[in-house]
Every structure is written in C-alpha cells, then in structure tokens.
Protein backbone atom coordinates (compact mmCIF):
# COMPACT_ATOMS: atom_id res chain seq x y z
CA MET A 1 50.95 -24.00 -24.66
CA PHE A 2 50.95 -21.77 -21.62
CA THR A 3 52.97 -19.01 -20.10
CA ALA A 4 53.40 -17.88 -16.53
CA SER A 5 53.75 -14.13 -16.15
CA ILE A 6 56.50 -14.46 -13.56
CA PHE A 7 59.02 -17.20 -12.87
CA LEU A 8 60.12 -16.82 -9.27
CA PRO A 9 61.66 -19.29 -6.82
CA LEU A 10 59.40 -20.76 -4.18
CA ALA A 11 60.98 -18.51 -1.55
CA LEU A 12 59.65 -15.39 -3.28
CA LEU A 13 56.19 -16.85 -3.82
CA VAL A 14 55.34 -18.24 -0.40
CA GLY A 15 57.75 -16.62 2.05
CA THR A 16 60.24 -18.81 3.89
CA PRO A 17 61.33 -21.62 1.52
CA PRO A 18 61.27 -25.28 2.56
CA THR A 19 64.73 -26.31 3.71
CA THR A 20 64.37 -30.02 2.91
CA TYR A 21 62.94 -32.11 0.11
CA PRO A 22 60.17 -33.52 2.34
CA ALA A 23 59.24 -29.95 3.30
CA LEU A 24 59.08 -29.03 -0.39
CA LYS A 25 56.71 -31.93 -1.07
CA SER A 26 54.56 -30.90 1.90
CA ALA A 27 54.40 -27.31 0.64
CA ILE A 28 53.29 -28.49 -2.80
CA GLU A 29 50.61 -30.73 -1.31
CA ALA A 30 49.35 -27.84 0.82
CA ARG A 31 48.98 -25.70 -2.29
CA ARG A 32 47.30 -28.57 -4.13
CA THR A 33 44.65 -28.91 -1.45
CA ALA A 34 44.11 -25.14 -1.51
CA PHE A 35 43.56 -25.31 -5.28
CA GLN A 36 41.20 -28.25 -4.71
CA ARG A 37 39.05 -26.25 -2.29
CA SER A 38 38.87 -23.35 -4.75
CA TYR A 39 37.98 -25.71 -7.59
CA GLU A 40 35.20 -27.42 -5.64
CA HIS A 41 33.51 -24.10 -4.85
CA ALA A 42 33.89 -22.58 -8.34
CA ASP A 43 31.58 -22.49 -11.35
CA SER A 44 32.77 -23.79 -14.72
CA THR A 45 34.41 -20.53 -15.79
CA ALA A 46 36.18 -20.05 -12.49
CA ARG A 47 37.29 -23.68 -12.49
CA GLN A 48 39.27 -23.10 -15.67
CA ALA A 49 40.98 -20.17 -13.99
CA VAL A 50 41.90 -22.44 -11.06
CA ILE A 51 43.35 -25.01 -13.49
CA ASP A 52 45.39 -22.32 -15.26
CA SER A 53 46.73 -20.96 -11.98
CA ALA A 54 47.55 -24.44 -10.70
CA ARG A 55 49.39 -25.24 -13.94
CA ALA A 56 51.60 -22.15 -13.67
CA TYR A 57 52.32 -22.97 -10.03
CA LEU A 58 53.18 -26.63 -10.67
CA PHE A 59 55.32 -25.79 -13.70
CA ASP A 60 57.43 -23.50 -11.52
CA ARG A 61 57.70 -25.94 -8.66
CA SER A 62 58.59 -28.83 -10.96
CA THR A 63 61.19 -27.01 -13.03
CA LEU A 64 62.66 -24.67 -10.41
CA ASP A 65 62.59 -26.88 -7.32
CA LEU A 66 61.77 -30.58 -7.77
CA LEU A 67 63.92 -31.39 -10.79
CA PRO A 68 67.00 -29.42 -9.64
CA ALA A 69 66.82 -31.13 -6.24
CA TRP A 70 67.66 -34.41 -8.00
CA TYR A 71 70.68 -33.14 -9.96
CA GLY A 72 73.75 -35.21 -9.13
CA THR A 73 71.83 -38.30 -7.95
CA PRO A 74 73.76 -41.24 -9.50
CA TRP A 75 72.13 -43.50 -12.07
CA ASP A 76 71.88 -47.26 -11.64
CA PHE A 77 69.74 -49.71 -13.60
CA ASN A 78 68.27 -50.97 -10.32
CA GLY A 79 68.14 -47.56 -8.60
CA THR A 80 64.88 -46.81 -6.78
CA THR A 81 65.75 -44.16 -4.19
CA ARG A 82 63.02 -41.82 -2.95
CA THR A 83 65.54 -39.26 -1.68
CA PRO A 84 67.54 -36.94 -3.95
CA ARG A 85 71.33 -37.46 -3.81
CA GLN A 86 70.97 -40.48 -1.56
CA GLY A 87 71.31 -43.85 -3.25
CA THR A 88 70.79 -44.30 -6.99
CA ILE A 89 67.91 -43.78 -9.40
CA ALA A 90 67.03 -45.46 -12.71
CA CYS A 91 65.52 -43.34 -15.46
CA GLY A 92 61.94 -44.63 -15.12
CA TYR A 93 61.98 -44.33 -11.36
CA PHE A 94 63.30 -40.78 -11.67
CA VAL A 95 60.42 -39.70 -13.91
CA ASN A 96 57.67 -41.34 -11.90
CA THR A 97 59.11 -40.31 -8.53
CA VAL A 98 59.22 -36.66 -9.56
CA MET A 99 55.66 -36.82 -10.85
CA GLN A 100 54.47 -38.48 -7.65
CA ASP A 101 56.37 -35.98 -5.50
CA ALA A 102 54.72 -33.20 -7.51
CA GLY A 103 51.39 -34.49 -6.21
CA PHE A 104 50.11 -36.80 -8.94
CA ARG A 105 48.47 -40.02 -7.73
CA LEU A 106 50.15 -42.84 -9.66
CA PRO A 107 51.55 -46.36 -9.13
CA ARG A 108 55.22 -45.40 -8.95
CA VAL A 109 56.74 -48.89 -8.91
CA ALA A 110 54.47 -50.47 -11.53
CA TRP A 111 54.84 -47.59 -13.98
CA SER A 112 58.60 -47.29 -13.43
CA GLN A 113 59.01 -50.90 -14.54
CA ARG A 114 57.38 -50.27 -17.93
CA ASP A 115 59.32 -49.57 -21.10
CA ALA A 116 59.96 -45.96 -22.12
CA GLU A 117 56.92 -45.68 -24.38
CA GLY A 118 54.68 -47.20 -21.72
CA ILE A 119 55.87 -44.71 -19.11
CA THR A 120 55.41 -41.76 -21.45
CA ARG A 121 51.95 -42.81 -22.60
CA ALA A 122 50.84 -43.44 -19.02
CA LEU A 123 51.81 -39.92 -17.95
CA ALA A 124 51.10 -37.79 -20.98
CA GLY A 125 48.00 -35.88 -21.96
CA ARG A 126 48.91 -36.14 -25.65
CA VAL A 127 51.91 -37.53 -27.54
CA GLU A 128 53.88 -36.99 -30.74
CA ARG A 129 56.22 -39.59 -32.23
CA PHE A 130 59.48 -39.12 -34.11
CA ARG A 131 61.13 -42.09 -35.85
CA ASP A 132 64.48 -41.79 -37.66
CA ARG A 133 64.24 -37.99 -37.58
CA PRO A 134 66.80 -35.44 -36.37
CA VAL A 135 66.59 -34.15 -32.83
CA SER A 136 66.05 -30.70 -34.34
CA ASP A 137 62.51 -31.87 -35.20
CA VAL A 138 61.86 -32.40 -31.49
CA THR A 139 63.22 -28.93 -30.73
CA ALA A 140 60.95 -27.45 -33.40
CA CYS A 141 57.96 -29.27 -31.89
CA LEU A 142 58.69 -27.80 -28.46
CA GLU A 143 59.14 -24.33 -29.96
CA LYS A 144 55.71 -24.64 -31.58
CA GLN A 145 54.00 -25.85 -28.39
CA GLY A 146 55.76 -23.33 -26.17
CA ASP A 147 57.00 -23.34 -22.60
CA GLY A 148 55.99 -26.45 -20.70
CA LEU A 149 56.94 -29.76 -19.15
CA TYR A 150 57.09 -32.88 -21.30
CA ALA A 151 57.95 -36.57 -20.89
CA VAL A 152 60.12 -38.18 -23.56
CA GLY A 153 60.52 -41.90 -24.25
CA LEU A 154 63.47 -43.16 -26.31
CA ASP A 155 64.76 -46.48 -27.62
CA HIS A 156 65.94 -47.54 -24.15
CA HIS A 157 65.50 -44.48 -21.94
CA VAL A 158 62.97 -42.00 -20.54
CA GLY A 159 63.23 -38.50 -19.12
CA PHE A 160 61.78 -35.01 -19.15
CA LEU A 161 61.94 -32.19 -21.66
CA VAL A 162 61.66 -28.72 -20.14
CA ARG A 163 60.87 -25.72 -22.30
CA ARG A 164 61.25 -22.55 -20.22
CA ASP A 165 61.73 -18.96 -21.33
CA GLY A 166 62.22 -20.24 -24.87
CA VAL A 167 65.05 -22.65 -23.95
CA SER A 168 64.68 -26.45 -24.21
CA ARG A 169 66.55 -28.84 -21.88
CA PHE A 170 66.71 -32.62 -21.50
CA VAL A 171 66.46 -33.61 -17.81
CA HIS A 172 67.09 -37.29 -17.07
CA SER A 173 69.00 -39.85 -15.03
CA ASN A 174 71.88 -40.29 -17.45
CA TYR A 175 73.24 -43.81 -17.91
CA TYR A 176 75.96 -42.39 -20.20
CA ARG A 177 77.44 -40.73 -17.11
CA PRO A 178 76.17 -42.88 -14.23
CA SER A 179 78.24 -41.27 -11.46
CA GLU A 180 76.69 -37.88 -12.29
CA GLY A 181 73.26 -39.35 -12.95
CA VAL A 182 70.44 -36.83 -12.95
CA MET A 183 71.28 -33.75 -14.98
CA SER A 184 69.93 -31.07 -17.29
CA GLU A 185 71.58 -30.76 -20.69
CA PRO A 186 70.90 -29.50 -24.23
CA LEU A 187 68.75 -31.70 -26.43
CA ASP A 188 71.38 -32.03 -29.15
CA GLY A 189 74.57 -33.45 -27.64
CA ASP A 190 76.26 -36.66 -26.57
CA ASN A 191 73.18 -38.08 -24.87
CA PRO A 192 70.49 -40.75 -25.34
CA LEU A 193 67.98 -38.25 -26.75
CA ALA A 194 70.23 -37.21 -29.62
CA HIS A 195 71.31 -40.79 -30.37
CA SER A 196 67.91 -42.49 -30.17
CA ARG A 197 66.21 -43.56 -33.39
CA TYR A 198 62.74 -43.36 -31.81
CA ARG A 199 61.32 -40.61 -29.63
CA ILE A 200 57.84 -40.20 -28.16
CA VAL A 201 57.16 -36.80 -26.61
CA GLY A 202 54.24 -36.51 -24.22
CA THR A 203 52.78 -33.22 -23.05
CA LEU A 204 52.39 -32.97 -19.28
CA LEU A 205 50.32 -30.45 -17.26
CA THR A 206 47.47 -30.46 -19.79
CA ASP A 207 43.99 -29.45 -18.59
CA GLU A 208 43.14 -33.14 -18.12
CA LEU A 209 46.22 -33.87 -16.01
CA MET A 210 45.93 -30.66 -14.02
CA ARG A 211 42.29 -31.45 -13.24
CA ALA A 212 43.45 -34.82 -11.91
CA TRP A 213 46.17 -33.09 -9.86
CA VAL A 214 43.81 -30.50 -8.40
CA THR A 215 41.13 -33.03 -7.48
CA GLY A 216 43.53 -35.72 -6.29
CA ALA A 217 42.28 -38.24 -8.87
CA ASP A 218 44.17 -41.51 -9.41
CA LEU A 219 45.87 -41.59 -12.84
CA ALA A 220 46.14 -45.39 -12.90
CA GLY A 221 42.75 -46.01 -14.45
CA ARG A 222 42.47 -43.10 -16.87
CA GLN A 223 42.29 -43.41 -20.67
CA ARG A 224 45.79 -43.15 -22.16
CA PRO A 225 46.69 -41.59 -25.53
C-alpha cells in the first residue's frame, strides 16, 4: 500500500506538458534516469526514500497520463500497435506496451503472447488468486491493499486494475466492445472481469519492481511469484 500526498497532472509537476505520446515517454525516461542517479549516490536509508518517491511519480504518470492516452484504441486479437489510437491493440500487448512505455525493461512481444496468468505473473511483485468467487472479493482485496496499480489475469483476458483515491477501475483493451477498445470501467459490470471464473491479481510498483525501474534492470530474468 502507498499513498501520494498530491495527485497532479504532469503539467503541474514539471512545467510545460509533453504534447505527444513520444514526448511523454521521453519525459518519463528523463525522470527515471534522474531517480537512478539519486539512487546510485544514496545510502540504504536514502535509497528507500528514492524508491518511494519514484513509486509515487510513476503511479501518477501511469494512471493520469499513459493509460488515458490509450483510451479509444480499438481492440483486435492480432493488434500490436505501439501508438495510442492508431491501429489496434490486443489485451496482452496493451498491458506490456504500457509497462514498457512506463520505463520497465521487458520483452514486450514474448510476454504479450503468453496467457493471462503468464503475463500477470511475469509483471507482478506478488499475486492473489480468486477462483469461482464474486468480483466483490477482488474489490475488497484492493480496498485492503490501498491505492495502487495492479495487473489482473482472467480466464481469457488481461488488463489493469487501478485503485486511486479510494476508487477501483478496470482498465483494459475490451474485446466485448472492440470498436471502443481500451477503456476504464467499474469492476462489477458487463465486462470480462465480472464474468470470469478465475482471476489473478498482481501488485505492480512494489519495492522490487520499482528498484528494477530505477536502476534500469531487465525484468526478463527475475524470479517470478
């Protein structure tokens, strides 16, 4: 669990906001390298403070900028676009592309071709599983863990769960409504999350994953939960 004291758009945090998606990615990478320099010159106590600050920053950028940039990108089973709202994007490619664009070093294509559990386990710092249980149990789990970014794998689908300011949302490339594609919606509704019999929820932005982000470590070879 973590909280950021303020939730402000990128424009208010760093001055003039990036006007394009590539500029947004470049701004995030610039901040990542700044965090890396601070981390490399810090003692153990100060390093934890760098990790905490980096987590709050990346949570904001992921939930306020990166994910919304993809809203409206159509879904297609074979969709692999790298550019929001241009082309189509499958659910696995959506999740791994956003994580890569956030600055995580990962094999985007190889991981996107895994099943939903494989994608979630590859990305997550820790996981919880729900089989034949109501979606309200997932909501209760997020309420207990608190605000944060999560991956969720389903019977035949994968996406993100965002818990922000006490509100939980399901963000995914929606094959139920392929022309609308990427969207944010309530957990309990007419969607794959509510209808799935199996759900695996993986916590993202843990200390382990943020340390990898700050240092630029490759996630491909790390121990998975």
